[in-house]
Protein backbone atom coordinates (compact mmCIF):
# COMPACT_ATOMS: atom_id res chain seq x y z
CA MET A 1 53.37 26.32 -8.50
CA PRO A 2 49.98 24.77 -9.07
CA MET A 3 49.77 21.07 -10.14
CA THR A 4 47.84 20.32 -13.24
CA ALA A 5 45.75 17.21 -13.66
CA PRO A 6 47.08 14.57 -16.06
CA LEU A 7 45.45 14.43 -19.49
CA ARG A 8 42.83 11.72 -19.83
CA PHE A 9 41.60 9.80 -22.76
CA ALA A 10 38.72 7.32 -23.30
CA PHE A 11 37.93 4.63 -25.79
CA SER A 12 34.67 2.80 -26.49
CA ASP A 13 33.09 0.38 -28.89
CA GLY A 14 30.31 1.86 -30.86
CA CYS A 15 28.96 4.69 -28.56
CA ALA A 16 30.41 7.85 -27.34
CA ALA A 17 32.80 7.66 -24.33
CA ASP A 18 31.48 8.87 -20.98
CA GLY A 19 32.94 11.17 -18.55
CA PRO A 20 35.27 14.18 -18.78
CA THR A 21 38.25 13.51 -21.06
CA GLU A 22 40.50 15.54 -23.19
CA MET A 23 40.42 13.05 -26.07
CA SER A 24 38.21 10.13 -27.07
CA VAL A 25 38.47 7.28 -29.53
CA THR A 26 35.40 5.34 -30.70
CA TYR A 27 35.80 2.01 -32.55
CA LEU A 28 33.11 0.87 -34.98
CA GLY A 29 33.41 -2.71 -36.16
CA ARG A 30 35.08 -5.78 -34.82
CA ILE A 31 38.29 -5.20 -32.84
CA SER A 32 39.54 -6.91 -29.67
CA ARG A 33 39.52 -4.83 -26.50
CA LYS A 34 43.28 -5.44 -26.03
CA LYS A 35 44.10 -4.09 -29.53
CA ALA A 36 41.62 -1.17 -29.15
CA GLU A 37 43.24 -0.19 -25.83
CA ALA A 38 46.69 -0.29 -27.32
CA ASP A 39 45.68 1.69 -30.37
CA ALA A 40 43.88 4.27 -28.32
CA ARG A 41 46.88 4.74 -26.10
CA ARG A 42 49.14 5.22 -29.20
CA ARG A 43 46.63 7.68 -30.76
CA PHE A 44 46.54 9.66 -27.41
CA GLU A 45 50.21 9.84 -27.16
CA GLU A 46 50.49 11.14 -30.70
CA TRP A 47 47.66 13.55 -30.01
CA CYS A 48 49.53 14.89 -26.96
CA ARG A 49 52.61 15.64 -29.06
CA LEU A 50 50.69 17.78 -31.60
CA PRO A 51 52.27 21.17 -31.56
CA SER A 52 49.15 23.28 -32.00
CA HIS A 53 46.27 23.72 -29.56
CA LEU A 54 43.98 24.15 -32.46
CA SER A 55 45.05 20.82 -34.16
CA ARG A 56 44.49 18.96 -30.83
CA ARG A 57 41.03 20.58 -30.59
CA TRP A 58 40.02 19.43 -34.06
CA SER A 59 41.26 15.95 -33.57
CA LYS A 60 40.13 15.31 -29.91
CA ASP A 61 37.21 13.06 -30.90
CA GLN A 62 38.31 10.26 -33.25
CA VAL A 63 36.26 7.41 -34.79
CA VAL A 64 37.96 4.37 -36.13
CA VAL A 65 36.02 2.15 -38.61
CA SER A 66 37.39 -1.36 -38.95
């Protein structure tokens, strides 16, 4: 049985995330890195639980304005 690579996510502050990821979250505005990381991880876990591949595809790049 082939092993699959774990899903990866990225978060950044103001510019697009670099590197190959399945999901990315970009924060615009003032937010602490610790809060941004916790929020991005929560969003990623919710994204992984979406039932439809199509809904994951449409929500894979998220922008948060604060």
